[in-house]
């Protein structure tokens, strides 16, 4: 947790009156030996290091616990209890677990206080080897991590303040483990889950390999996790504790990913797709954002899993709070759990099972932080169009580097596209709020480097909801090539904004497990699924399809100079299919919108895009893209004449100030991932400092064979 983030969150929390100031924890709050929790289910409990509080806010009791697992590893947990447990009232518990460390002055702590005020016990767990927990995490979502979670769920159910019912929740990492806990492990006390920004496929729908393509900027997440993992736990940040020493033996997660470049058992653990949906039988609420890459799981799980499910798609980034309209997630989550953990008939199951936002065009920029215009729709099931896009548009070459979109099959033709590996970097395809870039700037400059096909101006509005699918007949002059398909909204003034896009590594056209080199200059069939989106195209606007063979810096460049050919018309009629919404009856419904929610301004927040720049050296042909994401400095580079030698660098740091004393603890990481035609080369250095003095240093270097990604 970076210092800037910590200070920002403390100010927000203190301003809301939900927590005492840090100095209160250091002195004014009383330490006590008694805790409300007891040993149970092979878990031994003892007080943690954060001071225990009887008066954090009126009606809320807080304690920090150390939970000893059977193998002797202690896990750090924060527990918030409603005041009514004092009088013997037993309550249901909401639980989350991830490696991002939470502290009583952190963002999640505010959410947990709210859950206690809503009448629940709320527990957050630092997963093994993170935050204040001991142990060595060998991978994300490791088997021993799930063993820990099962024990903690069962331990919660046996506490004197528990009614025996537990619900798991979370965003991103904690959404992933909640889904897999509910599906694969099914501890008896786990009665329901509420997840945002999750996945049903850890290979194609996580930050690693969508479409079988190695992601570029997103690899910085794995590089940066070294910093988060290496930092000791608060409030003392003891540099010599067992937990602090354990984590320096943690292998970089990027190393694990690069050892698993292809789909297989590693990614099937934790994935419901393709054939494990039937495992999910616990009531599940699913939420995803259009400005994120974690939304496909919502309609897919609702379609395939036998569990009672509700789901929502809306105009949000990965944090589900930007740009809005923003919902009162705490209220929605508490209502869901109030029914399934407390047995209250609060009407949640009589509400429509499906809610989705229908956004429309607006002028986009980094400086525009307002909610997206549009409207909410409600239904009891996802429309058929979500999974079966019926509106087919054929790609008809007309002139230069593109042509038209037509509803009739055109005459046979073909278009060639020279490989320009820096395509994507100039219209800022990363996006203002996430790494994935589904809501970037005017993309005309990058459209010009692709094959562009437009409809005439629309006479009537057109609405779509679901997965756009493309079928391309294509060839490449090299054995490996990527194809990227974008659907854009083109306004009357010519501005072109991304609505959705999808990827496919041509060597993965048949399988993500066993890739096959492309036969040079021979036609192959490519089926590409774009990310699930809802969108309203206004009259007078045009629908644009852009086909490229690069998407820098989102996608790692394929290694060979080449030319790709797109076949169109006749028997090889390349097309896209839009999930157009026909006349669809809607149900009445409502959602708790936070009308007074303050939208973060540019540069605010720990994950804000504070700076972005793309520069091309006209002499060398080297393109560099640089970012300042929160406190992380990220750089990407590629050269037109030598796309095999591409690179990613990241510099990150976490700063911690213990509550007692005048110490400054810092963790700094400098990392690089570089490629050749045959290898990926990783070089990571992590340094631990105390008051500017180096305490510990470790470097990891590895070379990995490039496996057709």
Foldseek 3Di string as FASTA:
>chain_A
DFPQQLVVLLVVCVVVVQFDHLLCQVPVADADQDDQAQDDLQKGKGFDDGGWHPPRDPQKGKTWIWIAHNVGWTKIKIKIAGNCVVVQAAFEEEEFEDQQADDCSHDVVSLQSVLNVLPHMYMYINFDLHAATAHADQAQPDPVSLVVVLSVLQSQLPGSRHVLAYEYEEFESRQLSRQLCQQPVNRPRYAEYEYELYAQWQAQQHLAQNQLFGWFPSLVVLQVVLQRSQFHHDQVRDCPDNSNVNHVPHDRNSVVSLVPSFDDPVGNNSHCPPPRLQSRAHEYEYEYELQESRDQRFQVSVVPHPHNYAYEYEHDYRVQPFLDLGFPVSVVVSVVCCCRTVVDPPCPVVFARYKYWAFEDDADDLQDGHHTDTDMFGHNHDDPLQPPFDQKWFFDDDDDQGEATHSDFDAKDKDKAWAQAAQAQPQPQCPFFHRRRQWTHQRPVSLVRWYKYKYAFAQAKWKFWHKKKWKWWKFKQFQKFKKKKFKWKAALVGGTTTFKMWIHIQQCQPHSRGGGTGDGPDIDIHMTIIRTGIYMHHGRIMIMMTMHRYNPPGTQGQWDGIMMMTIDGDPRTIIMGTSIDDDDDTDDDDGRRPPPDDGDGAPDHQQGFNDWDWDADPVQQKIKIWTCGRNKTKIWIAHRVGSQWIKIKIKDKHWHANSDDGKIKMKIKIKMWTGHNFKIKIWMKIFIDIPRHTDDIDIDIDIHTDDSD
